[in-house]
Amino acid sequence: MRATLERAGRAALAPAMSLALLLGFPGTSPAATGVLTYADSQGVEHRRENPPDGSCIFFESPAVKVSNGTGTDAALYRDQNCTEFLVFVFKGTRLEFGGDRPQSMRFG
């Protein structure tokens, strides 16, 4: 009886592990590799190294320049909650802003 339960347990565990390997384990979040820099209206430059994918990251103050030195495209937003989409800043590109200025970003 015990051997039968052990075999059944292994049989149930194998598909679950396969699915976990395919989808990734909880708690692991890939990151955009590199540095995103932005300047605020006072000319102060801010840096975000290896920012996580999928997380909303707000700027300390609205950005007038954004340079994406990562290998991942990022979406920039007008608000600090990543709800009011403004524009994409593609990997390896730089943008400057006049009127509408981004206040947050999300990679991935």
N, C-alpha and C. Protein backbone atom coordinates (compact mmCIF):
# COMPACT_ATOMS: atom_id res chain seq x y z
N MET A 1 0.82 -1.19 0.00
CA MET A 1 0.00 0.00 0.00
C MET A 1 0.86 1.26 0.00
N ARG A 2 1.91 1.25 0.85
CA ARG A 2 2.78 2.41 0.94
C ARG A 2 3.50 2.67 -0.38
N ALA A 3 3.96 1.60 -1.03
CA ALA A 3 4.64 1.74 -2.31
C ALA A 3 3.71 2.32 -3.36
N THR A 4 2.47 1.95 -3.33
CA THR A 4 1.48 2.48 -4.27
C THR A 4 1.29 3.97 -4.07
N LEU A 5 1.22 4.41 -2.80
CA LEU A 5 1.08 5.84 -2.50
C LEU A 5 2.32 6.62 -2.93
N GLU A 6 3.50 6.06 -2.73
CA GLU A 6 4.72 6.73 -3.14
C GLU A 6 4.77 6.91 -4.66
N ARG A 7 4.38 5.86 -5.39
CA ARG A 7 4.36 5.95 -6.86
C ARG A 7 3.34 6.99 -7.31
N ALA A 8 2.19 7.03 -6.67
CA ALA A 8 1.15 8.00 -7.02
C ALA A 8 1.64 9.42 -6.73
N GLY A 9 2.35 9.59 -5.62
CA GLY A 9 2.90 10.91 -5.28
C GLY A 9 3.93 11.37 -6.30
N ARG A 10 4.83 10.47 -6.71
CA ARG A 10 5.82 10.80 -7.74
C ARG A 10 5.15 11.10 -9.07
N ALA A 11 4.12 10.35 -9.39
CA ALA A 11 3.40 10.57 -10.65
C ALA A 11 2.74 11.94 -10.67
N ALA A 12 2.24 12.39 -9.54
CA ALA A 12 1.60 13.71 -9.47
C ALA A 12 2.64 14.83 -9.43
N LEU A 13 3.80 14.56 -8.85
CA LEU A 13 4.84 15.57 -8.73
C LEU A 13 5.52 15.86 -10.06
N ALA A 14 5.70 14.88 -10.90
CA ALA A 14 6.41 15.06 -12.17
C ALA A 14 5.76 16.12 -13.06
N PRO A 15 4.44 16.07 -13.32
CA PRO A 15 3.84 17.12 -14.15
C PRO A 15 3.91 18.50 -13.50
N ALA A 16 3.77 18.55 -12.18
CA ALA A 16 3.84 19.83 -11.49
C ALA A 16 5.23 20.46 -11.64
N MET A 17 6.27 19.67 -11.51
CA MET A 17 7.63 20.19 -11.66
C MET A 17 7.89 20.61 -13.11
N SER A 18 7.37 19.86 -14.06
CA SER A 18 7.52 20.24 -15.46
C SER A 18 6.88 21.58 -15.72
N LEU A 19 5.70 21.79 -15.18
CA LEU A 19 5.01 23.06 -15.35
C LEU A 19 5.78 24.20 -14.68
N ALA A 20 6.32 23.96 -13.50
CA ALA A 20 7.10 24.98 -12.80
C ALA A 20 8.35 25.35 -13.59
N LEU A 21 9.01 24.37 -14.17
CA LEU A 21 10.19 24.66 -14.97
C LEU A 21 9.84 25.44 -16.23
N LEU A 22 8.70 25.14 -16.81
CA LEU A 22 8.27 25.83 -18.01
C LEU A 22 7.87 27.27 -17.73
N LEU A 23 7.12 27.50 -16.66
CA LEU A 23 6.61 28.83 -16.35
C LEU A 23 7.50 29.63 -15.42
N GLY A 24 8.40 28.99 -14.73
CA GLY A 24 9.26 29.68 -13.77
C GLY A 24 8.72 29.52 -12.37
N PHE A 25 9.59 29.61 -11.42
CA PHE A 25 9.19 29.48 -10.03
C PHE A 25 8.72 30.82 -9.50
N PRO A 26 7.74 30.82 -8.58
CA PRO A 26 7.28 32.08 -8.01
C PRO A 26 8.43 32.78 -7.30
N GLY A 27 8.41 34.10 -7.36
CA GLY A 27 9.44 34.88 -6.68
C GLY A 27 10.63 35.22 -7.56
N THR A 28 10.72 34.60 -8.72
CA THR A 28 11.81 34.97 -9.61
C THR A 28 11.27 35.97 -10.61
N SER A 29 11.93 37.10 -10.72
CA SER A 29 11.50 38.15 -11.64
C SER A 29 12.68 38.54 -12.51
N PRO A 30 12.56 38.33 -13.82
CA PRO A 30 13.67 38.74 -14.67
C PRO A 30 13.83 40.25 -14.62
N ALA A 31 14.99 40.71 -14.93
CA ALA A 31 15.27 42.14 -14.91
C ALA A 31 15.80 42.58 -16.26
N ALA A 32 15.56 43.84 -16.56
CA ALA A 32 16.17 44.45 -17.73
C ALA A 32 17.64 44.68 -17.39
N THR A 33 18.53 44.10 -18.15
CA THR A 33 19.95 44.20 -17.84
C THR A 33 20.51 45.49 -18.42
N GLY A 34 21.09 46.30 -17.56
CA GLY A 34 21.67 47.57 -17.98
C GLY A 34 21.18 48.69 -17.10
N VAL A 35 21.33 49.92 -17.60
CA VAL A 35 21.00 51.10 -16.81
C VAL A 35 20.04 52.01 -17.58
N LEU A 36 18.97 52.41 -16.92
CA LEU A 36 18.10 53.46 -17.44
C LEU A 36 18.43 54.72 -16.67
N THR A 37 18.70 55.79 -17.38
CA THR A 37 18.97 57.07 -16.72
C THR A 37 17.90 58.06 -17.14
N TYR A 38 17.58 58.97 -16.22
CA TYR A 38 16.67 60.06 -16.57
C TYR A 38 17.11 61.31 -15.83
N ALA A 39 16.81 62.45 -16.44
CA ALA A 39 17.12 63.74 -15.84
C ALA A 39 15.82 64.44 -15.51
N ASP A 40 15.79 65.10 -14.35
CA ASP A 40 14.60 65.88 -13.99
C ASP A 40 14.78 67.32 -14.48
N SER A 41 13.80 68.17 -14.21
CA SER A 41 13.84 69.54 -14.74
C SER A 41 14.95 70.38 -14.12
N GLN A 42 15.53 69.97 -12.99
CA GLN A 42 16.66 70.67 -12.37
C GLN A 42 17.99 70.21 -12.96
N GLY A 43 17.94 69.22 -13.85
CA GLY A 43 19.16 68.68 -14.47
C GLY A 43 19.81 67.57 -13.67
N VAL A 44 19.17 67.13 -12.59
CA VAL A 44 19.72 66.06 -11.77
C VAL A 44 19.49 64.73 -12.49
N GLU A 45 20.57 63.95 -12.65
CA GLU A 45 20.46 62.66 -13.33
C GLU A 45 20.22 61.55 -12.31
N HIS A 46 19.27 60.69 -12.62
CA HIS A 46 18.91 59.56 -11.77
C HIS A 46 19.19 58.28 -12.55
N ARG A 47 19.57 57.20 -11.83
CA ARG A 47 19.90 55.92 -12.47
C ARG A 47 19.11 54.78 -11.86
N ARG A 48 18.67 53.88 -12.71
CA ARG A 48 18.04 52.63 -12.27
C ARG A 48 18.81 51.49 -12.93
N GLU A 49 19.53 50.73 -12.13
CA GLU A 49 20.32 49.61 -12.66
C GLU A 49 19.52 48.32 -12.59
N ASN A 50 19.53 47.58 -13.69
CA ASN A 50 18.84 46.29 -13.80
C ASN A 50 17.42 46.35 -13.23
N PRO A 51 16.58 47.26 -13.75
CA PRO A 51 15.22 47.36 -13.22
C PRO A 51 14.41 46.09 -13.48
N PRO A 52 13.56 45.70 -12.55
CA PRO A 52 12.78 44.46 -12.71
C PRO A 52 11.72 44.60 -13.80
N ASP A 53 11.47 43.52 -14.53
CA ASP A 53 10.41 43.49 -15.52
C ASP A 53 9.05 43.43 -14.83
N GLY A 54 8.08 44.15 -15.38
CA GLY A 54 6.71 44.05 -14.91
C GLY A 54 6.35 44.92 -13.73
N SER A 55 7.31 45.49 -13.04
CA SER A 55 7.02 46.33 -11.87
C SER A 55 6.89 47.79 -12.29
N CYS A 56 5.95 48.48 -11.68
CA CYS A 56 5.81 49.92 -11.92
C CYS A 56 6.83 50.64 -11.03
N ILE A 57 7.68 51.43 -11.66
CA ILE A 57 8.71 52.18 -10.94
C ILE A 57 8.45 53.66 -11.17
N PHE A 58 8.22 54.41 -10.08
CA PHE A 58 7.95 55.83 -10.26
C PHE A 58 9.23 56.64 -10.13
N PHE A 59 9.25 57.76 -10.85
CA PHE A 59 10.38 58.69 -10.80
C PHE A 59 10.18 59.63 -9.60
N GLU A 60 11.30 60.08 -9.04
CA GLU A 60 11.23 61.01 -7.92
C GLU A 60 10.57 62.33 -8.34
N SER A 61 10.82 62.74 -9.59
CA SER A 61 10.17 63.91 -10.18
C SER A 61 10.05 63.67 -11.68
N PRO A 62 9.14 64.35 -12.37
CA PRO A 62 8.96 64.10 -13.80
C PRO A 62 10.27 64.24 -14.58
N ALA A 63 10.43 63.38 -15.57
CA ALA A 63 11.67 63.35 -16.36
C ALA A 63 11.58 64.25 -17.58
N VAL A 64 12.69 64.92 -17.90
CA VAL A 64 12.77 65.69 -19.13
C VAL A 64 13.60 64.95 -20.18
N LYS A 65 14.45 64.02 -19.73
CA LYS A 65 15.24 63.17 -20.62
C LYS A 65 15.26 61.76 -20.06
N VAL A 66 15.12 60.77 -20.94
CA VAL A 66 15.19 59.37 -20.54
C VAL A 66 16.08 58.64 -21.53
N SER A 67 17.05 57.91 -21.02
CA SER A 67 17.96 57.12 -21.85
C SER A 67 17.90 55.67 -21.40
N ASN A 68 17.49 54.79 -22.33
CA ASN A 68 17.32 53.38 -22.00
C ASN A 68 18.56 52.60 -22.45
N GLY A 69 19.47 52.38 -21.53
CA GLY A 69 20.68 51.61 -21.80
C GLY A 69 20.54 50.15 -21.44
N THR A 70 19.31 49.65 -21.39
CA THR A 70 19.06 48.24 -21.08
C THR A 70 18.80 47.48 -22.37
N GLY A 71 18.64 46.20 -22.27
CA GLY A 71 18.31 45.37 -23.41
C GLY A 71 16.82 45.11 -23.55
N THR A 72 15.99 45.88 -22.84
CA THR A 72 14.54 45.67 -22.82
C THR A 72 13.83 46.99 -23.07
N ASP A 73 12.75 46.96 -23.86
CA ASP A 73 11.94 48.15 -24.08
C ASP A 73 11.16 48.48 -22.79
N ALA A 74 10.87 49.78 -22.61
CA ALA A 74 10.13 50.22 -21.43
C ALA A 74 8.97 51.11 -21.85
N ALA A 75 7.88 51.03 -21.12
CA ALA A 75 6.75 51.94 -21.31
C ALA A 75 6.87 53.05 -20.28
N LEU A 76 6.63 54.29 -20.72
CA LEU A 76 6.65 55.44 -19.83
C LEU A 76 5.23 55.93 -19.64
N TYR A 77 4.93 56.43 -18.44
CA TYR A 77 3.58 56.82 -18.08
C TYR A 77 3.55 58.25 -17.54
N ARG A 78 2.41 58.92 -17.73
CA ARG A 78 2.22 60.29 -17.26
C ARG A 78 2.05 60.37 -15.74
N ASP A 79 1.58 59.30 -15.12
CA ASP A 79 1.31 59.29 -13.69
C ASP A 79 2.30 58.38 -12.96
N GLN A 80 2.25 58.35 -11.64
CA GLN A 80 3.17 57.52 -10.86
C GLN A 80 2.64 56.11 -10.62
N ASN A 81 1.49 55.75 -11.18
CA ASN A 81 0.90 54.43 -10.98
C ASN A 81 0.93 53.56 -12.22
N CYS A 82 1.60 54.01 -13.27
CA CYS A 82 1.69 53.26 -14.53
C CYS A 82 0.32 52.95 -15.12
N THR A 83 -0.57 53.93 -15.11
CA THR A 83 -1.89 53.73 -15.71
C THR A 83 -2.12 54.62 -16.93
N GLU A 84 -1.50 55.78 -17.00
CA GLU A 84 -1.69 56.72 -18.11
C GLU A 84 -0.50 56.63 -19.06
N PHE A 85 -0.59 55.71 -20.04
CA PHE A 85 0.52 55.47 -20.97
C PHE A 85 0.88 56.75 -21.72
N LEU A 86 2.19 56.97 -21.87
CA LEU A 86 2.69 58.13 -22.62
C LEU A 86 3.40 57.69 -23.90
N VAL A 87 4.45 56.87 -23.77
CA VAL A 87 5.25 56.48 -24.94
C VAL A 87 6.17 55.33 -24.56
N PHE A 88 6.64 54.59 -25.55
CA PHE A 88 7.67 53.58 -25.32
C PHE A 88 9.04 54.22 -25.50
N VAL A 89 9.99 53.80 -24.67
CA VAL A 89 11.39 54.12 -24.91
C VAL A 89 12.07 52.78 -25.18
N PHE A 90 12.47 52.60 -26.44
CA PHE A 90 13.01 51.32 -26.86
C PHE A 90 14.44 51.15 -26.38
N LYS A 91 14.86 49.90 -26.26
CA LYS A 91 16.22 49.60 -25.78
C LYS A 91 17.24 50.34 -26.64
N GLY A 92 18.21 50.93 -25.96
CA GLY A 92 19.29 51.63 -26.65
C GLY A 92 18.92 52.99 -27.21
N THR A 93 17.76 53.56 -26.84
CA THR A 93 17.35 54.87 -27.36
C THR A 93 17.22 55.90 -26.25
N ARG A 94 17.10 57.16 -26.67
CA ARG A 94 16.99 58.27 -25.74
C ARG A 94 15.85 59.18 -26.20
N LEU A 95 15.08 59.68 -25.25
CA LEU A 95 13.98 60.60 -25.55
C LEU A 95 14.11 61.86 -24.69
N GLU A 96 13.63 62.99 -25.25
CA GLU A 96 13.54 64.24 -24.49
C GLU A 96 12.09 64.69 -24.50
N PHE A 97 11.67 65.35 -23.42
CA PHE A 97 10.26 65.71 -23.25
C PHE A 97 10.10 67.20 -22.98
N GLY A 98 9.03 67.75 -23.56
CA GLY A 98 8.69 69.15 -23.33
C GLY A 98 7.45 69.25 -22.47
N GLY A 99 6.26 69.09 -23.09
CA GLY A 99 4.99 69.23 -22.37
C GLY A 99 4.72 68.09 -21.42
N ASP A 100 4.22 66.97 -21.94
CA ASP A 100 3.94 65.81 -21.10
C ASP A 100 5.25 65.13 -20.70
N ARG A 101 5.45 64.97 -19.42
CA ARG A 101 6.67 64.34 -18.92
C ARG A 101 6.34 63.07 -18.17
N PRO A 102 7.13 62.03 -18.41
CA PRO A 102 6.86 60.76 -17.70
C PRO A 102 7.16 60.85 -16.21
N GLN A 103 6.33 60.14 -15.45
CA GLN A 103 6.51 60.08 -13.99
C GLN A 103 6.71 58.66 -13.49
N SER A 104 6.58 57.66 -14.40
CA SER A 104 6.82 56.28 -14.02
C SER A 104 7.13 55.46 -15.26
N MET A 105 7.60 54.21 -15.02
CA MET A 105 7.98 53.33 -16.13
C MET A 105 7.73 51.88 -15.75
N ARG A 106 7.65 51.05 -16.79
CA ARG A 106 7.50 49.62 -16.59
C ARG A 106 8.25 48.92 -17.71
N PHE A 107 9.11 47.96 -17.36
CA PHE A 107 9.86 47.17 -18.34
C PHE A 107 9.14 45.87 -18.63
N GLY A 108 9.42 45.33 -19.80
CA GLY A 108 8.93 44.01 -20.16
C GLY A 108 7.54 43.99 -20.72
